[in-house]
Amino acid sequence: MDSPVNPSGQAVAAGQDAPPPAVDVDTAVLLLGAGVTAATHPLLYVKLLIQVGHEPLPSTVGTTMFGRRVLYLPGFFSYAHHIVKVDGKRGLFRGLSPRIVSSAISTVVRSKVKQQVEIISKREDLQTSLRKVVKETSHEMIIQCLSRVATHPFHVMSVRCMAQFVGREVKYGGMFSCIVKIFKEEGLAGFYVGLVPHVAGEVLFLWCCNLLAHFINTYAVDESFSQASAIRSYTKFVMGIAVSVLTYPFMLVADLMAVSDCGLAAGLPPHSPVFTSWLHCWNHLSNKGHLFRGSSFFFRRVPVTSLTSIED
């Protein structure tokens, strides 16, 4: 049997699969994103409760391998078990719906904006490697900022739904009721509390990660080294981990601002002061030494300066 011929006169193998439609690919990406969001939600739920300073379980006194006495705080599994005891297994997924919607919107926005940015970038002739990195990072920054603006309202809703665990409130229920409640009490600005530190942290992360990876790959990795290409492929990943630690305080402040003075116990005295701005929140955390609160799920410990009143 003759192979089919396309209009250009080139033969096409009968068994060759046609490329999947763009709609099917986008749907698969959205479903995968929703699945990952749902699977990781308990981790972020526990992290959020730690960020707002909610410690319902007692700490235990222990010693490090160097003999230093410390207070060990409950890790992720102990915290998650506590949530299950209080709210059941479904309680681990409180605030999930806004996050799934946020993930879907972010995927769509990034895809559309990236297509337009790629069209523009193809018209530009980048002469140097550094200039190329700067241009690519600028494009990534635009995509990230637009995505954050589009999804931040859902982030605020999700954070407030999860923070209700602290005071056992039921103020924020489904997404529609959250939208109505926030708009009625705070107006449009209520959907964007904490946006500035969130965007600032993400932009700082992008620039530091990309520039550091570029300089290391250019000046620190020797071309004569046989594994140079392999090392370069992992540089950006390693830099991402390192830089994320430095930019974590921005994410913490953003989450605390989303809860502050919204009518929930987690954002009101005596549990938390009412912050007038994200800089006020940053200074408060800095003075308390809590800028990295919630950055770790395991081996959480607090140095103990005085244990005279604690019995072993």
C-alpha atoms as a PDB file:
ATOM      1  CA  MET A   1       0.000   0.000   0.000  1.00  0.00           C
ATOM      2  CA  ASP A   2       1.328   3.420  -0.893  1.00  0.00           C
ATOM      3  CA  SER A   3       2.080   5.853   1.889  1.00  0.00           C
ATOM      4  CA  PRO A   4      -0.144   8.947   1.984  1.00  0.00           C
ATOM      5  CA  VAL A   5       1.410  12.061   0.532  1.00  0.00           C
ATOM      6  CA  ASN A   6       1.068  15.487   2.063  1.00  0.00           C
ATOM      7  CA  PRO A   7       0.502  18.643  -0.070  1.00  0.00           C
ATOM      8  CA  SER A   8       4.236  19.400  -0.170  1.00  0.00           C
ATOM      9  CA  GLY A   9       4.908  16.075  -1.888  1.00  0.00           C
ATOM     10  CA  GLN A  10       6.650  14.414   1.075  1.00  0.00           C
ATOM     11  CA  ALA A  11       5.627  10.892   2.003  1.00  0.00           C
ATOM     12  CA  VAL A  12       4.133  10.348   5.410  1.00  0.00           C
ATOM     13  CA  ALA A  13       4.415   6.956   7.110  1.00  0.00           C
ATOM     14  CA  ALA A  14       1.039   5.312   7.554  1.00  0.00           C
ATOM     15  CA  GLY A  15       1.745   4.431  11.175  1.00  0.00           C
ATOM     16  CA  GLN A  16       3.089   7.850  12.145  1.00  0.00           C
ATOM     17  CA  ASP A  17       1.074   9.436  14.946  1.00  0.00           C
ATOM     18  CA  ALA A  18      -0.196  12.944  14.469  1.00  0.00           C
ATOM     19  CA  PRO A  19       0.892  15.454  17.132  1.00  0.00           C
ATOM     20  CA  PRO A  20      -1.664  15.808  19.943  1.00  0.00           C
ATOM     21  CA  PRO A  21      -3.937  18.833  19.695  1.00  0.00           C
ATOM     22  CA  ALA A  22      -2.961  21.857  21.767  1.00  0.00           C
ATOM     23  CA  VAL A  23      -6.258  21.662  23.663  1.00  0.00           C
ATOM     24  CA  ASP A  24      -5.516  18.098  24.808  1.00  0.00           C
ATOM     25  CA  VAL A  25      -2.017  19.101  25.930  1.00  0.00           C
ATOM     26  CA  ASP A  26      -3.350  22.093  27.895  1.00  0.00           C
ATOM     27  CA  THR A  27      -6.015  19.919  29.522  1.00  0.00           C
ATOM     28  CA  ALA A  28      -3.402  17.346  30.542  1.00  0.00           C
ATOM     29  CA  VAL A  29      -1.218  20.079  32.046  1.00  0.00           C
ATOM     30  CA  LEU A  30      -4.168  21.500  33.979  1.00  0.00           C
ATOM     31  CA  LEU A  31      -5.147  18.079  35.328  1.00  0.00           C
ATOM     32  CA  LEU A  32      -1.562  17.301  36.290  1.00  0.00           C
ATOM     33  CA  GLY A  33      -1.270  20.660  38.033  1.00  0.00           C
ATOM     34  CA  ALA A  34      -4.503  20.034  39.944  1.00  0.00           C
ATOM     35  CA  GLY A  35      -3.266  16.606  41.015  1.00  0.00           C
ATOM     36  CA  VAL A  36       0.065  17.926  42.259  1.00  0.00           C
ATOM     37  CA  THR A  37      -1.692  20.778  44.074  1.00  0.00           C
ATOM     38  CA  ALA A  38      -4.027  18.361  45.843  1.00  0.00           C
ATOM     39  CA  ALA A  39      -1.206  15.960  46.748  1.00  0.00           C
ATOM     40  CA  THR A  40       0.967  18.687  48.271  1.00  0.00           C
ATOM     41  CA  HIS A  41      -1.815  20.618  49.988  1.00  0.00           C
ATOM     42  CA  PRO A  42      -1.411  18.972  53.425  1.00  0.00           C
ATOM     43  CA  LEU A  43       2.238  20.080  53.421  1.00  0.00           C
ATOM     44  CA  LEU A  44       1.308  23.686  52.698  1.00  0.00           C
ATOM     45  CA  TYR A  45      -1.545  23.542  55.215  1.00  0.00           C
ATOM     46  CA  VAL A  46       0.788  22.518  58.030  1.00  0.00           C
ATOM     47  CA  LYS A  47       3.340  25.084  56.849  1.00  0.00           C
ATOM     48  CA  LEU A  48       0.730  27.872  56.955  1.00  0.00           C
ATOM     49  CA  LEU A  49      -0.311  27.009  60.516  1.00  0.00           C
ATOM     50  CA  ILE A  50       3.327  27.037  61.600  1.00  0.00           C
ATOM     51  CA  GLN A  51       3.834  30.363  59.815  1.00  0.00           C
ATOM     52  CA  VAL A  52       1.029  32.034  61.771  1.00  0.00           C
ATOM     53  CA  GLY A  53       2.623  30.730  64.971  1.00  0.00           C
ATOM     54  CA  HIS A  54       0.026  28.111  65.875  1.00  0.00           C
ATOM     55  CA  GLU A  55       1.702  25.419  67.977  1.00  0.00           C
ATOM     56  CA  PRO A  56      -1.067  23.243  69.497  1.00  0.00           C
ATOM     57  CA  LEU A  57       1.263  20.408  70.455  1.00  0.00           C
ATOM     58  CA  PRO A  58       3.760  20.554  73.316  1.00  0.00           C
ATOM     59  CA  SER A  59       7.454  20.742  72.600  1.00  0.00           C
ATOM     60  CA  THR A  60       9.922  18.288  74.053  1.00  0.00           C
ATOM     61  CA  VAL A  61      13.309  18.963  75.629  1.00  0.00           C
ATOM     62  CA  GLY A  62      16.238  17.242  73.989  1.00  0.00           C
ATOM     63  CA  THR A  63      19.908  17.603  73.238  1.00  0.00           C
ATOM     64  CA  THR A  64      21.848  17.928  70.013  1.00  0.00           C
ATOM     65  CA  MET A  65      24.796  15.721  69.073  1.00  0.00           C
ATOM     66  CA  PHE A  66      27.031  18.391  70.633  1.00  0.00           C
ATOM     67  CA  GLY A  67      25.188  18.256  73.954  1.00  0.00           C
ATOM     68  CA  ARG A  68      23.296  21.518  73.557  1.00  0.00           C
ATOM     69  CA  ARG A  69      19.840  21.535  75.139  1.00  0.00           C
ATOM     70  CA  VAL A  70      17.018  22.548  72.807  1.00  0.00           C
ATOM     71  CA  LEU A  71      13.243  22.429  72.557  1.00  0.00           C
ATOM     72  CA  TYR A  72      12.077  20.176  69.751  1.00  0.00           C
ATOM     73  CA  LEU A  73       8.825  21.269  68.099  1.00  0.00           C
ATOM     74  CA  PRO A  74       6.459  18.749  66.461  1.00  0.00           C
ATOM     75  CA  GLY A  75       7.285  17.866  62.864  1.00  0.00           C
ATOM     76  CA  PHE A  76       4.970  17.543  59.889  1.00  0.00           C
ATOM     77  CA  PHE A  77       3.619  14.070  60.659  1.00  0.00           C
ATOM     78  CA  SER A  78       2.772  14.907  64.282  1.00  0.00           C
ATOM     79  CA  TYR A  79       1.102  18.141  63.200  1.00  0.00           C
ATOM     80  CA  ALA A  80      -0.848  16.444  60.398  1.00  0.00           C
ATOM     81  CA  HIS A  81      -1.974  13.717  62.813  1.00  0.00           C
ATOM     82  CA  HIS A  82      -3.284  16.421  65.146  1.00  0.00           C
ATOM     83  CA  ILE A  83      -5.290  17.990  62.319  1.00  0.00           C
ATOM     84  CA  VAL A  84      -6.791  14.598  61.455  1.00  0.00           C
ATOM     85  CA  LYS A  85      -7.771  14.071  65.107  1.00  0.00           C
ATOM     86  CA  VAL A  86      -9.543  17.428  65.194  1.00  0.00           C
ATOM     87  CA  ASP A  87     -11.100  17.658  61.722  1.00  0.00           C
ATOM     88  CA  GLY A  88     -10.753  14.186  60.234  1.00  0.00           C
ATOM     89  CA  LYS A  89      -8.825  13.296  57.095  1.00  0.00           C
ATOM     90  CA  ARG A  90     -10.822  15.779  55.019  1.00  0.00           C
ATOM     91  CA  GLY A  91      -9.531  18.476  57.321  1.00  0.00           C
ATOM     92  CA  LEU A  92      -6.097  18.161  55.722  1.00  0.00           C
ATOM     93  CA  PHE A  93      -7.581  19.619  52.534  1.00  0.00           C
ATOM     94  CA  ARG A  94      -9.157  22.741  53.978  1.00  0.00           C
ATOM     95  CA  GLY A  95      -8.654  25.623  51.530  1.00  0.00           C
ATOM     96  CA  LEU A  96      -7.798  23.341  48.601  1.00  0.00           C
ATOM     97  CA  SER A  97     -10.423  24.605  46.124  1.00  0.00           C
ATOM     98  CA  PRO A  98      -8.994  28.146  45.788  1.00  0.00           C
ATOM     99  CA  ARG A  99      -5.522  26.675  45.289  1.00  0.00           C
ATOM    100  CA  ILE A 100      -6.693  24.434  42.451  1.00  0.00           C
ATOM    101  CA  VAL A 101      -8.368  27.384  40.730  1.00  0.00           C
ATOM    102  CA  SER A 102      -5.220  29.446  41.308  1.00  0.00           C
ATOM    103  CA  SER A 103      -3.076  26.697  39.760  1.00  0.00           C
ATOM    104  CA  ALA A 104      -5.323  26.504  36.687  1.00  0.00           C
ATOM    105  CA  ILE A 105      -5.364  30.273  36.166  1.00  0.00           C
ATOM    106  CA  SER A 106      -1.605  30.458  36.621  1.00  0.00           C
ATOM    107  CA  THR A 107      -1.064  27.753  33.997  1.00  0.00           C
ATOM    108  CA  VAL A 108      -3.305  29.505  31.468  1.00  0.00           C
ATOM    109  CA  VAL A 109      -1.852  32.964  32.087  1.00  0.00           C
ATOM    110  CA  ARG A 110       1.734  31.713  31.891  1.00  0.00           C
ATOM    111  CA  SER A 111       1.027  29.847  28.657  1.00  0.00           C
ATOM    112  CA  LYS A 112      -0.610  32.814  26.925  1.00  0.00           C
ATOM    113  CA  VAL A 113       1.905  35.396  28.093  1.00  0.00           C
ATOM    114  CA  LYS A 114       4.859  33.117  27.304  1.00  0.00           C
ATOM    115  CA  GLN A 115       3.665  32.747  23.708  1.00  0.00           C
ATOM    116  CA  GLN A 116       3.538  36.519  23.251  1.00  0.00           C
ATOM    117  CA  VAL A 117       6.919  37.005  24.935  1.00  0.00           C
ATOM    118  CA  GLU A 118       8.542  34.365  22.714  1.00  0.00           C
ATOM    119  CA  ILE A 119       7.222  36.112  19.606  1.00  0.00           C
ATOM    120  CA  ILE A 120       8.758  39.397  20.750  1.00  0.00           C
ATOM    121  CA  SER A 121      12.059  37.825  21.808  1.00  0.00           C
ATOM    122  CA  LYS A 122      12.547  36.168  18.402  1.00  0.00           C
ATOM    123  CA  ARG A 123      12.700  39.613  16.819  1.00  0.00           C
ATOM    124  CA  GLU A 124      15.591  40.681  19.024  1.00  0.00           C
ATOM    125  CA  ASP A 125      19.222  39.857  18.286  1.00  0.00           C
ATOM    126  CA  LEU A 126      21.012  39.207  21.563  1.00  0.00           C
ATOM    127  CA  GLN A 127      24.749  39.642  21.155  1.00  0.00           C
ATOM    128  CA  THR A 128      26.194  38.559  24.489  1.00  0.00           C
ATOM    129  CA  SER A 129      25.417  35.704  26.851  1.00  0.00           C
ATOM    130  CA  LEU A 130      24.838  38.066  29.787  1.00  0.00           C
ATOM    131  CA  ARG A 131      22.498  40.206  27.754  1.00  0.00           C
ATOM    132  CA  LYS A 132      20.563  37.083  26.819  1.00  0.00           C
ATOM    133  CA  VAL A 133      20.224  36.063  30.478  1.00  0.00           C
ATOM    134  CA  VAL A 134      19.000  39.556  31.405  1.00  0.00           C
ATOM    135  CA  LYS A 135      16.450  39.551  28.596  1.00  0.00           C
ATOM    136  CA  GLU A 136      15.184  36.068  29.413  1.00  0.00           C
ATOM    137  CA  THR A 137      14.935  36.900  33.105  1.00  0.00           C
ATOM    138  CA  SER A 138      13.016  40.074  32.289  1.00  0.00           C
ATOM    139  CA  HIS A 139      10.544  38.020  30.292  1.00  0.00           C
ATOM    140  CA  GLU A 140      10.226  35.501  33.132  1.00  0.00           C
ATOM    141  CA  MET A 141       9.614  38.370  35.537  1.00  0.00           C
ATOM    142  CA  ILE A 142       6.761  39.721  33.415  1.00  0.00           C
ATOM    143  CA  ILE A 143       5.160  36.286  33.255  1.00  0.00           C
ATOM    144  CA  GLN A 144       5.557  35.760  37.005  1.00  0.00           C
ATOM    145  CA  CYS A 145       4.145  39.176  37.938  1.00  0.00           C
ATOM    146  CA  LEU A 146       1.082  38.840  35.697  1.00  0.00           C
ATOM    147  CA  SER A 147       0.475  35.333  36.990  1.00  0.00           C
ATOM    148  CA  ARG A 148       0.733  36.499  40.610  1.00  0.00           C
ATOM    149  CA  VAL A 149      -1.691  39.400  40.067  1.00  0.00           C
ATOM    150  CA  ALA A 150      -4.210  37.028  38.474  1.00  0.00           C
ATOM    151  CA  THR A 151      -3.976  34.341  41.165  1.00  0.00           C
ATOM    152  CA  HIS A 152      -3.329  36.298  44.371  1.00  0.00           C
ATOM    153  CA  PRO A 153      -7.027  36.701  45.302  1.00  0.00           C
ATOM    154  CA  PHE A 154      -7.357  32.915  45.395  1.00  0.00           C
ATOM    155  CA  HIS A 155      -4.177  32.666  47.460  1.00  0.00           C
ATOM    156  CA  VAL A 156      -5.708  35.040  50.023  1.00  0.00           C
ATOM    157  CA  MET A 157      -8.897  32.970  50.151  1.00  0.00           C
ATOM    158  CA  SER A 158      -6.989  29.727  50.599  1.00  0.00           C
ATOM    159  CA  VAL A 159      -4.770  31.144  53.359  1.00  0.00           C
ATOM    160  CA  ARG A 160      -7.760  32.464  55.300  1.00  0.00           C
ATOM    161  CA  CYS A 161      -9.664  29.196  54.971  1.00  0.00           C
ATOM    162  CA  MET A 162      -6.678  27.314  56.396  1.00  0.00           C
ATOM    163  CA  ALA A 163      -6.017  29.883  59.148  1.00  0.00           C
ATOM    164  CA  GLN A 164      -9.533  29.298  60.518  1.00  0.00           C
ATOM    165  CA  PHE A 165      -8.169  26.154  62.152  1.00  0.00           C
ATOM    166  CA  VAL A 166      -6.489  28.306  64.810  1.00  0.00           C
ATOM    167  CA  GLY A 167      -9.684  29.837  66.214  1.00  0.00           C
ATOM    168  CA  ARG A 168     -12.078  27.159  64.944  1.00  0.00           C
ATOM    169  CA  GLU A 169     -14.001  29.789  62.940  1.00  0.00           C
ATOM    170  CA  VAL A 170     -16.323  29.139  60.004  1.00  0.00           C
ATOM    171  CA  LYS A 171     -16.235  32.631  58.549  1.00  0.00           C
ATOM    172  CA  TYR A 172     -14.790  31.580  55.202  1.00  0.00           C
ATOM    173  CA  GLY A 173     -16.478  28.614  53.550  1.00  0.00           C
ATOM    174  CA  GLY A 174     -16.738  28.005  49.815  1.00  0.00           C
ATOM    175  CA  MET A 175     -15.063  30.191  47.228  1.00  0.00           C
ATOM    176  CA  PHE A 176     -18.196  32.159  46.399  1.00  0.00           C
ATOM    177  CA  SER A 177     -18.866  32.966  50.055  1.00  0.00           C
ATOM    178  CA  CYS A 178     -15.192  33.959  50.456  1.00  0.00           C
ATOM    179  CA  ILE A 179     -15.421  36.355  47.525  1.00  0.00           C
ATOM    180  CA  VAL A 180     -18.604  37.945  48.862  1.00  0.00           C
ATOM    181  CA  LYS A 181     -17.261  38.195  52.422  1.00  0.00           C
ATOM    182  CA  ILE A 182     -13.916  39.747  51.464  1.00  0.00           C
ATOM    183  CA  PHE A 183     -15.421  42.208  48.966  1.00  0.00           C
ATOM    184  CA  LYS A 184     -18.118  43.276  51.428  1.00  0.00           C
ATOM    185  CA  GLU A 185     -15.719  43.857  54.330  1.00  0.00           C
ATOM    186  CA  GLU A 186     -12.525  45.034  52.608  1.00  0.00           C
ATOM    187  CA  GLY A 187     -13.416  45.902  49.041  1.00  0.00           C
ATOM    188  CA  LEU A 188     -11.223  45.024  46.073  1.00  0.00           C
ATOM    189  CA  ALA A 189      -8.065  45.783  48.081  1.00  0.00           C
ATOM    190  CA  GLY A 190      -8.860  42.857  50.366  1.00  0.00           C
ATOM    191  CA  PHE A 191      -8.048  40.407  47.577  1.00  0.00           C
ATOM    192  CA  TYR A 192      -4.532  41.833  47.208  1.00  0.00           C
ATOM    193  CA  VAL A 193      -3.267  42.106  50.778  1.00  0.00           C
ATOM    194  CA  GLY A 194       0.270  40.767  50.886  1.00  0.00           C
ATOM    195  CA  LEU A 195       0.748  41.099  47.129  1.00  0.00           C
ATOM    196  CA  VAL A 196       3.778  43.423  47.309  1.00  0.00           C
ATOM    197  CA  PRO A 197       6.064  41.177  49.427  1.00  0.00           C
ATOM    198  CA  HIS A 198       4.979  38.146  47.413  1.00  0.00           C
ATOM    199  CA  VAL A 199       5.891  39.758  44.096  1.00  0.00           C
ATOM    200  CA  ALA A 200       9.082  41.252  45.552  1.00  0.00           C
ATOM    201  CA  GLY A 201      10.218  37.844  46.785  1.00  0.00           C
ATOM    202  CA  GLU A 202       9.495  36.123  43.482  1.00  0.00           C
ATOM    203  CA  VAL A 203      11.219  38.820  41.413  1.00  0.00           C
ATOM    204  CA  LEU A 204      14.262  38.773  43.700  1.00  0.00           C
ATOM    205  CA  PHE A 205      14.362  34.977  43.456  1.00  0.00           C
ATOM    206  CA  LEU A 206      14.295  35.042  39.649  1.00  0.00           C
ATOM    207  CA  TRP A 207      17.081  37.591  39.245  1.00  0.00           C
ATOM    208  CA  CYS A 208      19.383  36.139  41.900  1.00  0.00           C
ATOM    209  CA  CYS A 209      18.920  32.555  40.711  1.00  0.00           C
ATOM    210  CA  ASN A 210      19.432  33.273  37.008  1.00  0.00           C
ATOM    211  CA  LEU A 211      22.344  35.681  37.401  1.00  0.00           C
ATOM    212  CA  LEU A 212      24.185  33.529  39.933  1.00  0.00           C
ATOM    213  CA  ALA A 213      23.764  30.454  37.737  1.00  0.00           C
ATOM    214  CA  HIS A 214      25.065  32.400  34.731  1.00  0.00           C
ATOM    215  CA  PHE A 215      28.169  33.724  36.515  1.00  0.00           C
ATOM    216  CA  ILE A 216      28.999  30.320  38.016  1.00  0.00           C
ATOM    217  CA  ASN A 217      28.595  28.553  34.687  1.00  0.00           C
ATOM    218  CA  THR A 218      30.654  31.225  32.902  1.00  0.00           C
ATOM    219  CA  TYR A 219      33.501  31.872  35.323  1.00  0.00           C
ATOM    220  CA  ALA A 220      33.625  28.976  37.797  1.00  0.00           C
ATOM    221  CA  VAL A 221      33.095  25.913  35.601  1.00  0.00           C
ATOM    222  CA  ASP A 222      36.202  25.062  33.589  1.00  0.00           C
ATOM    223  CA  GLU A 223      35.580  24.110  29.958  1.00  0.00           C
ATOM    224  CA  SER A 224      38.382  21.530  30.120  1.00  0.00           C
ATOM    225  CA  PHE A 225      36.539  19.590  32.818  1.00  0.00           C
ATOM    226  CA  SER A 226      34.918  16.496  31.306  1.00  0.00           C
ATOM    227  CA  GLN A 227      31.682  16.912  33.299  1.00  0.00           C
ATOM    228  CA  ALA A 228      31.320  20.646  32.673  1.00  0.00           C
ATOM    229  CA  SER A 229      28.050  20.319  30.739  1.00  0.00           C
ATOM    230  CA  ALA A 230      26.514  18.100  33.422  1.00  0.00           C
ATOM    231  CA  ILE A 231      27.476  20.547  36.160  1.00  0.00           C
ATOM    232  CA  ARG A 232      25.991  23.463  34.238  1.00  0.00           C
ATOM    233  CA  SER A 233      22.697  21.623  33.878  1.00  0.00           C
ATOM    234  CA  TYR A 234      22.354  21.412  37.666  1.00  0.00           C
ATOM    235  CA  THR A 235      23.671  24.862  38.586  1.00  0.00           C
ATOM    236  CA  LYS A 236      20.364  26.673  38.255  1.00  0.00           C
ATOM    237  CA  PHE A 237      18.577  23.997  40.288  1.00  0.00           C
ATOM    238  CA  VAL A 238      21.086  24.262  43.137  1.00  0.00           C
ATOM    239  CA  MET A 239      21.001  28.061  43.016  1.00  0.00           C
ATOM    240  CA  GLY A 240      17.205  27.895  43.203  1.00  0.00           C
ATOM    241  CA  ILE A 241      17.355  25.964  46.456  1.00  0.00           C
ATOM    242  CA  ALA A 242      19.892  28.358  47.970  1.00  0.00           C
ATOM    243  CA  VAL A 243      18.127  31.537  46.869  1.00  0.00           C
ATOM    244  CA  SER A 244      14.707  30.258  48.000  1.00  0.00           C
ATOM    245  CA  VAL A 245      16.048  30.150  51.549  1.00  0.00           C
ATOM    246  CA  LEU A 246      17.061  33.809  51.335  1.00  0.00           C
ATOM    247  CA  THR A 247      13.740  34.951  49.845  1.00  0.00           C
ATOM    248  CA  TYR A 248      11.563  32.878  52.206  1.00  0.00           C
ATOM    249  CA  PRO A 249      10.873  35.822  54.583  1.00  0.00           C
ATOM    250  CA  PHE A 250       9.009  37.590  51.765  1.00  0.00           C
ATOM    251  CA  MET A 251       6.663  34.608  51.396  1.00  0.00           C
ATOM    252  CA  LEU A 252       6.150  34.440  55.158  1.00  0.00           C
ATOM    253  CA  VAL A 253       5.283  38.131  55.393  1.00  0.00           C
ATOM    254  CA  ALA A 254       2.878  37.827  52.449  1.00  0.00           C
ATOM    255  CA  ASP A 255       0.984  34.982  54.137  1.00  0.00           C
ATOM    256  CA  LEU A 256       0.811  36.794  57.481  1.00  0.00           C
ATOM    257  CA  MET A 257      -0.481  39.956  55.804  1.00  0.00           C
ATOM    258  CA  ALA A 258      -3.237  37.897  54.141  1.00  0.00           C
ATOM    259  CA  VAL A 259      -4.479  36.889  57.608  1.00  0.00           C
ATOM    260  CA  SER A 260      -3.812  40.074  59.574  1.00  0.00           C
ATOM    261  CA  ASP A 261      -6.903  41.901  60.863  1.00  0.00           C
ATOM    262  CA  CYS A 262      -9.345  39.878  58.765  1.00  0.00           C
ATOM    263  CA  GLY A 263     -11.516  38.834  61.704  1.00  0.00           C
ATOM    264  CA  LEU A 264      -9.770  35.541  62.406  1.00  0.00           C
ATOM    265  CA  ALA A 265      -8.051  34.711  65.695  1.00  0.00           C
ATOM    266  CA  ALA A 266      -4.846  33.899  63.806  1.00  0.00           C
ATOM    267  CA  GLY A 267      -4.535  37.528  62.702  1.00  0.00           C
ATOM    268  CA  LEU A 268      -5.651  39.352  65.833  1.00  0.00           C
ATOM    269  CA  PRO A 269      -4.227  39.969  69.332  1.00  0.00           C
ATOM    270  CA  PRO A 270      -3.229  38.226  71.484  1.00  0.00           C
ATOM    271  CA  HIS A 271      -2.211  35.644  68.895  1.00  0.00           C
ATOM    272  CA  SER A 272      -0.742  38.195  66.512  1.00  0.00           C
ATOM    273  CA  PRO A 273      -0.438  41.982  66.382  1.00  0.00           C
ATOM    274  CA  VAL A 274      -2.379  43.888  63.745  1.00  0.00           C
ATOM    275  CA  PHE A 275       0.138  44.898  61.081  1.00  0.00           C
ATOM    276  CA  THR A 276      -0.274  48.282  59.418  1.00  0.00           C
ATOM    277  CA  SER A 277       2.005  47.371  56.501  1.00  0.00           C
ATOM    278  CA  TRP A 278       4.164  44.534  55.279  1.00  0.00           C
ATOM    279  CA  LEU A 279       7.262  46.421  56.483  1.00  0.00           C
ATOM    280  CA  HIS A 280       5.718  46.575  59.962  1.00  0.00           C
ATOM    281  CA  CYS A 281       5.210  42.805  59.790  1.00  0.00           C
ATOM    282  CA  TRP A 282       8.787  42.269  58.600  1.00  0.00           C
ATOM    283  CA  ASN A 283      10.238  44.388  61.434  1.00  0.00           C
ATOM    284  CA  HIS A 284       8.125  42.559  64.006  1.00  0.00           C
ATOM    285  CA  LEU A 285       9.289  39.138  62.806  1.00  0.00           C
ATOM    286  CA  SER A 286      12.879  40.345  62.592  1.00  0.00           C
ATOM    287  CA  ASN A 287      12.853  41.615  66.172  1.00  0.00           C
ATOM    288  CA  LYS A 288      11.420  38.303  67.362  1.00  0.00           C
ATOM    289  CA  GLY A 289      13.875  36.270  65.288  1.00  0.00           C
ATOM    290  CA  HIS A 290      11.016  34.608  63.402  1.00  0.00           C
ATOM    291  CA  LEU A 291      11.753  35.575  59.797  1.00  0.00           C
ATOM    292  CA  PHE A 292      12.221  31.909  58.888  1.00  0.00           C
ATOM    293  CA  ARG A 293       9.315  30.511  60.887  1.00  0.00           C
ATOM    294  CA  GLY A 294       7.736  27.632  58.985  1.00  0.00           C
ATOM    295  CA  SER A 295      10.643  27.163  56.587  1.00  0.00           C
ATOM    296  CA  SER A 296      11.235  23.629  57.857  1.00  0.00           C
ATOM    297  CA  PHE A 297       8.840  20.719  58.388  1.00  0.00           C
ATOM    298  CA  PHE A 298      11.226  18.463  60.283  1.00  0.00           C
ATOM    299  CA  PHE A 299      13.782  18.807  63.070  1.00  0.00           C
ATOM    300  CA  ARG A 300      12.166  22.060  64.180  1.00  0.00           C
ATOM    301  CA  ARG A 301      13.788  23.272  67.331  1.00  0.00           C
ATOM    302  CA  VAL A 302      14.064  26.378  69.440  1.00  0.00           C
ATOM    303  CA  PRO A 303      17.210  27.058  71.481  1.00  0.00           C
ATOM    304  CA  VAL A 304      16.438  27.072  75.185  1.00  0.00           C
ATOM    305  CA  THR A 305      18.272  29.723  77.177  1.00  0.00           C
ATOM    306  CA  SER A 306      16.818  28.817  80.525  1.00  0.00           C
ATOM    307  CA  LEU A 307      15.543  25.391  81.498  1.00  0.00           C
ATOM    308  CA  THR A 308      15.524  25.765  85.278  1.00  0.00           C
ATOM    309  CA  SER A 309      11.745  25.396  85.413  1.00  0.00           C
ATOM    310  CA  ILE A 310      11.615  22.425  83.033  1.00  0.00           C
ATOM    311  CA  GLU A 311      12.005  18.946  84.430  1.00  0.00           C
ATOM    312  CA  ASP A 312      13.644  16.299  82.328  1.00  0.00           C
END
